[in-house]
Structures are given as structure tokens and as C-alpha cells.
Amino acid sequence: MEYVGFGKRLAAYLIDAIILAIPMFILQTLIMGDAMSGMQAGDPAAMQEFTSAYFKVAALNILIGIVYVVGMWTYADGATLGKKALRIKVVKSDGSPITLGSAFLRYIGYFISSLVCLLGYLWIIWDQERRGWHDMIANTRVVPAE
């Protein structure tokens, strides 16, 4: 099985980040704009409204990320739009399609890969099968798409 290296995977991630930034920015503008328009220095009610809006935006951004990434991996042949653009995909270690459970576990693994100075992502450079920690956790590989 041929494995995809760090550079191509990073490029796919950056494409997806741009795609996700658009709806996230729109939501942030709509939700945070209202909260910020009524803010005055030292007003506890306004600060509480701003804090509440901030956490709503954060929760929605996480939800959008989960739905997009996990959904695309599971229901779009293992590839987000960024991966599709670069003709790569995520599969299980035996080459079979990724399942919903594996996709969700891999997404959780993204956070673990980020914990120690992004070492879990950099691991892709040194691993013989080009796996990051998130791939090891979910038993997945990134391979060229046919």
C-alpha cells in the first residue's frame, strides 16, 4: 500500500481550513456582532452576553468541524474536499473504507496530535507508514485515491 506524506496532507488540511473558515466567520459575525454592539466598558450584563455569545460560537465551530470532517470521511469515500482536491483519502489499515466510529475516533485524535507542540502531526514525517498519532489511534492510513 502506498502512503501519502506530510506535505500533501498539510496542503489538504489547509484547503479544508479555508472551506471551514467561511461558514465559521459568517456565524461568528452574526452571533458576536450583536453581543459586541451593545457592549460598554464595565457593564457586567454586556460582558455576560458577550461571553455567552463567544461560547455559542465556539460550540458551533466545533460542531461544524465534526459534521464536515467526520461526515466527509465516512460518507464521501474517506475524503474531505481538501483531500479530494489532492486525490487522497483516509482508509482503515486494511484498505477498507473508514467507518463512522473510526472517523470520529480519528477526529478526537486530531486534538491528541496537537497536545505536544503538534508532535502527533510531525510524526507523519518519521513514521514508515506515514501515520500521525490520530492515524495510530483510529488504525487508519492516508493513501492516494484511485
C-alpha atoms as a PDB file:
ATOM      1  CA  MET A   1       0.000   0.000   0.000  1.00  0.00           C
ATOM      2  CA  GLU A   2       1.311   3.457  -0.908  1.00  0.00           C
ATOM      3  CA  TYR A   3       1.062   6.125   1.811  1.00  0.00           C
ATOM      4  CA  VAL A   4       0.725   9.904   1.498  1.00  0.00           C
ATOM      5  CA  GLY A   5       3.333  12.081   3.194  1.00  0.00           C
ATOM      6  CA  PHE A   6       3.236  15.165   5.363  1.00  0.00           C
ATOM      7  CA  GLY A   7       3.303  17.896   2.686  1.00  0.00           C
ATOM      8  CA  LYS A   8       0.318  16.713   0.701  1.00  0.00           C
ATOM      9  CA  ARG A   9      -1.664  16.027   3.870  1.00  0.00           C
ATOM     10  CA  LEU A  10      -0.870  19.513   5.193  1.00  0.00           C
ATOM     11  CA  ALA A  11      -1.994  21.075   1.902  1.00  0.00           C
ATOM     12  CA  ALA A  12      -5.315  19.179   2.085  1.00  0.00           C
ATOM     13  CA  TYR A  13      -5.759  20.336   5.683  1.00  0.00           C
ATOM     14  CA  LEU A  14      -5.172  23.970   4.691  1.00  0.00           C
ATOM     15  CA  ILE A  15      -7.757  23.723   1.890  1.00  0.00           C
ATOM     16  CA  ASP A  16     -10.269  22.335   4.392  1.00  0.00           C
ATOM     17  CA  ALA A  17      -9.399  25.075   6.886  1.00  0.00           C
ATOM     18  CA  ILE A  18     -10.251  27.721   4.285  1.00  0.00           C
ATOM     19  CA  ILE A  19     -13.511  25.945   3.402  1.00  0.00           C
ATOM     20  CA  LEU A  20     -14.493  25.722   7.077  1.00  0.00           C
ATOM     21  CA  ALA A  21     -13.477  29.309   7.811  1.00  0.00           C
ATOM     22  CA  ILE A  22     -16.233  30.701   5.587  1.00  0.00           C
ATOM     23  CA  PRO A  23     -19.310  29.430   7.492  1.00  0.00           C
ATOM     24  CA  MET A  24     -17.496  29.864  10.798  1.00  0.00           C
ATOM     25  CA  PHE A  25     -16.734  33.515  10.029  1.00  0.00           C
ATOM     26  CA  ILE A  26     -20.341  34.177   8.996  1.00  0.00           C
ATOM     27  CA  LEU A  27     -21.670  32.607  12.205  1.00  0.00           C
ATOM     28  CA  GLN A  28     -19.150  34.484  14.312  1.00  0.00           C
ATOM     29  CA  THR A  29     -20.070  37.782  12.679  1.00  0.00           C
ATOM     30  CA  LEU A  30     -23.799  37.230  13.155  1.00  0.00           C
ATOM     31  CA  ILE A  31     -23.624  35.997  16.743  1.00  0.00           C
ATOM     32  CA  MET A  32     -20.749  38.091  18.081  1.00  0.00           C
ATOM     33  CA  GLY A  33     -21.781  41.253  16.220  1.00  0.00           C
ATOM     34  CA  ASP A  34     -24.984  41.581  18.227  1.00  0.00           C
ATOM     35  CA  ALA A  35     -23.198  40.902  21.503  1.00  0.00           C
ATOM     36  CA  MET A  36     -20.452  43.423  20.761  1.00  0.00           C
ATOM     37  CA  SER A  37     -22.757  46.183  19.543  1.00  0.00           C
ATOM     38  CA  GLY A  38     -24.291  46.580  22.998  1.00  0.00           C
ATOM     39  CA  MET A  39     -21.030  46.449  24.946  1.00  0.00           C
ATOM     40  CA  GLN A  40     -19.984  49.275  27.184  1.00  0.00           C
ATOM     41  CA  ALA A  41     -16.942  49.299  29.421  1.00  0.00           C
ATOM     42  CA  GLY A  42     -17.679  47.939  32.864  1.00  0.00           C
ATOM     43  CA  ASP A  43     -21.204  46.686  32.067  1.00  0.00           C
ATOM     44  CA  PRO A  44     -21.491  43.206  33.644  1.00  0.00           C
ATOM     45  CA  ALA A  45     -24.647  42.320  31.677  1.00  0.00           C
ATOM     46  CA  ALA A  46     -22.952  43.153  28.377  1.00  0.00           C
ATOM     47  CA  MET A  47     -19.877  41.125  29.362  1.00  0.00           C
ATOM     48  CA  GLN A  48     -22.094  38.182  30.253  1.00  0.00           C
ATOM     49  CA  GLU A  49     -23.869  38.433  26.885  1.00  0.00           C
ATOM     50  CA  PHE A  50     -20.506  38.604  25.097  1.00  0.00           C
ATOM     51  CA  THR A  51     -19.171  35.570  26.990  1.00  0.00           C
ATOM     52  CA  SER A  52     -22.325  33.611  26.224  1.00  0.00           C
ATOM     53  CA  ALA A  53     -22.073  34.511  22.527  1.00  0.00           C
ATOM     54  CA  TYR A  54     -18.399  33.523  22.491  1.00  0.00           C
ATOM     55  CA  PHE A  55     -19.155  30.050  23.852  1.00  0.00           C
ATOM     56  CA  LYS A  56     -22.035  29.620  21.384  1.00  0.00           C
ATOM     57  CA  VAL A  57     -19.688  30.417  18.507  1.00  0.00           C
ATOM     58  CA  ALA A  58     -17.022  28.042  19.854  1.00  0.00           C
ATOM     59  CA  ALA A  59     -19.553  25.212  20.242  1.00  0.00           C
ATOM     60  CA  LEU A  60     -20.970  25.791  16.754  1.00  0.00           C
ATOM     61  CA  ASN A  61     -17.477  25.856  15.233  1.00  0.00           C
ATOM     62  CA  ILE A  62     -16.634  22.525  16.866  1.00  0.00           C
ATOM     63  CA  LEU A  63     -19.930  21.048  15.673  1.00  0.00           C
ATOM     64  CA  ILE A  64     -19.393  22.292  12.105  1.00  0.00           C
ATOM     65  CA  GLY A  65     -15.896  20.783  12.111  1.00  0.00           C
ATOM     66  CA  ILE A  66     -17.115  17.418  13.380  1.00  0.00           C
ATOM     67  CA  VAL A  67     -20.012  17.232  10.916  1.00  0.00           C
ATOM     68  CA  TYR A  68     -17.856  18.261   7.945  1.00  0.00           C
ATOM     69  CA  VAL A  69     -14.756  16.182   8.630  1.00  0.00           C
ATOM     70  CA  VAL A  70     -16.309  13.047  10.134  1.00  0.00           C
ATOM     71  CA  GLY A  71     -19.187  13.175   7.657  1.00  0.00           C
ATOM     72  CA  MET A  72     -16.918  13.505   4.622  1.00  0.00           C
ATOM     73  CA  TRP A  73     -14.563  10.762   5.796  1.00  0.00           C
ATOM     74  CA  THR A  74     -17.493   8.437   6.400  1.00  0.00           C
ATOM     75  CA  TYR A  75     -19.869   9.235   3.545  1.00  0.00           C
ATOM     76  CA  ALA A  76     -17.635  10.694   0.801  1.00  0.00           C
ATOM     77  CA  ASP A  77     -15.191   7.843   0.224  1.00  0.00           C
ATOM     78  CA  GLY A  78     -12.838   8.859   3.038  1.00  0.00           C
ATOM     79  CA  ALA A  79     -12.036  12.312   1.716  1.00  0.00           C
ATOM     80  CA  THR A  80     -12.873  15.869   2.680  1.00  0.00           C
ATOM     81  CA  LEU A  81     -12.944  18.438  -0.123  1.00  0.00           C
ATOM     82  CA  GLY A  82      -9.287  19.241   0.561  1.00  0.00           C
ATOM     83  CA  LYS A  83      -8.311  15.589   0.284  1.00  0.00           C
ATOM     84  CA  LYS A  84     -10.464  15.165  -2.849  1.00  0.00           C
ATOM     85  CA  ALA A  85      -8.706  18.148  -4.459  1.00  0.00           C
ATOM     86  CA  LEU A  86      -5.351  16.451  -3.888  1.00  0.00           C
ATOM     87  CA  ARG A  87      -6.657  12.966  -4.762  1.00  0.00           C
ATOM     88  CA  ILE A  88      -6.002  11.377  -1.375  1.00  0.00           C
ATOM     89  CA  LYS A  89      -8.268   9.634   1.120  1.00  0.00           C
ATOM     90  CA  VAL A  90      -8.441   8.056   4.572  1.00  0.00           C
ATOM     91  CA  VAL A  91      -8.862   4.283   4.820  1.00  0.00           C
ATOM     92  CA  LYS A  92      -8.619   1.659   7.536  1.00  0.00           C
ATOM     93  CA  SER A  93      -5.265  -0.111   7.843  1.00  0.00           C
ATOM     94  CA  ASP A  94      -6.502  -2.984   5.655  1.00  0.00           C
ATOM     95  CA  GLY A  95      -7.501  -0.549   2.883  1.00  0.00           C
ATOM     96  CA  SER A  96     -11.234  -0.794   3.544  1.00  0.00           C
ATOM     97  CA  PRO A  97     -13.429   2.317   3.876  1.00  0.00           C
ATOM     98  CA  ILE A  98     -13.336   4.172   7.178  1.00  0.00           C
ATOM     99  CA  THR A  99     -16.356   3.668   9.437  1.00  0.00           C
ATOM    100  CA  LEU A 100     -18.248   6.336  11.377  1.00  0.00           C
ATOM    101  CA  GLY A 101     -16.690   5.120  14.635  1.00  0.00           C
ATOM    102  CA  SER A 102     -13.158   5.173  13.219  1.00  0.00           C
ATOM    103  CA  ALA A 103     -13.750   8.596  11.675  1.00  0.00           C
ATOM    104  CA  PHE A 104     -14.930  10.045  14.988  1.00  0.00           C
ATOM    105  CA  LEU A 105     -12.017   8.431  16.853  1.00  0.00           C
ATOM    106  CA  ARG A 106      -9.589   9.855  14.282  1.00  0.00           C
ATOM    107  CA  TYR A 107     -11.123  13.320  14.720  1.00  0.00           C
ATOM    108  CA  ILE A 108     -10.639  13.074  18.504  1.00  0.00           C
ATOM    109  CA  GLY A 109      -7.076  12.007  17.706  1.00  0.00           C
ATOM    110  CA  TYR A 110      -6.512  15.366  15.998  1.00  0.00           C
ATOM    111  CA  PHE A 111      -6.704  17.035  19.409  1.00  0.00           C
ATOM    112  CA  ILE A 112      -4.295  14.495  20.898  1.00  0.00           C
ATOM    113  CA  SER A 113      -1.883  15.028  17.977  1.00  0.00           C
ATOM    114  CA  SER A 114      -1.907  18.750  18.813  1.00  0.00           C
ATOM    115  CA  LEU A 115      -1.155  18.415  22.526  1.00  0.00           C
ATOM    116  CA  VAL A 116       2.637  18.333  22.492  1.00  0.00           C
ATOM    117  CA  CYS A 117       3.801  21.015  20.035  1.00  0.00           C
ATOM    118  CA  LEU A 118       1.950  19.311  17.145  1.00  0.00           C
ATOM    119  CA  LEU A 119       4.271  16.312  17.555  1.00  0.00           C
ATOM    120  CA  GLY A 120       1.455  13.924  16.631  1.00  0.00           C
ATOM    121  CA  TYR A 121       1.236  15.566  13.204  1.00  0.00           C
ATOM    122  CA  LEU A 122       5.000  15.786  12.733  1.00  0.00           C
ATOM    123  CA  TRP A 123       5.152  12.051  13.462  1.00  0.00           C
ATOM    124  CA  ILE A 124       3.911  11.567   9.868  1.00  0.00           C
ATOM    125  CA  ILE A 125       7.376  12.640   8.668  1.00  0.00           C
ATOM    126  CA  TRP A 126       9.197   9.870  10.562  1.00  0.00           C
ATOM    127  CA  ASP A 127       6.698   7.013  10.547  1.00  0.00           C
ATOM    128  CA  GLN A 128       7.330   4.346   7.904  1.00  0.00           C
ATOM    129  CA  GLU A 129       3.589   4.183   7.068  1.00  0.00           C
ATOM    130  CA  ARG A 130       3.256   7.996   7.260  1.00  0.00           C
ATOM    131  CA  ARG A 131       0.886   7.810  10.242  1.00  0.00           C
ATOM    132  CA  GLY A 132       0.168  10.598  12.677  1.00  0.00           C
ATOM    133  CA  TRP A 133      -0.922   9.805  16.220  1.00  0.00           C
ATOM    134  CA  HIS A 134      -4.534  10.264  15.129  1.00  0.00           C
ATOM    135  CA  ASP A 135      -3.993   7.547  12.499  1.00  0.00           C
ATOM    136  CA  MET A 136      -2.472   5.238  15.098  1.00  0.00           C
ATOM    137  CA  ILE A 137      -5.398   5.834  17.463  1.00  0.00           C
ATOM    138  CA  ALA A 138      -8.022   5.081  14.791  1.00  0.00           C
ATOM    139  CA  ASN A 139      -5.948   2.482  12.888  1.00  0.00           C
ATOM    140  CA  THR A 140      -6.196   4.493   9.655  1.00  0.00           C
ATOM    141  CA  ARG A 141      -3.898   5.393   6.777  1.00  0.00           C
ATOM    142  CA  VAL A 142      -3.937   8.162   4.180  1.00  0.00           C
ATOM    143  CA  VAL A 143      -3.471   6.801   0.676  1.00  0.00           C
ATOM    144  CA  PRO A 144      -3.761   8.036  -2.903  1.00  0.00           C
ATOM    145  CA  ALA A 145      -7.336   7.920  -4.195  1.00  0.00           C
ATOM    146  CA  GLU A 146      -7.854   5.928  -7.362  1.00  0.00           C
END
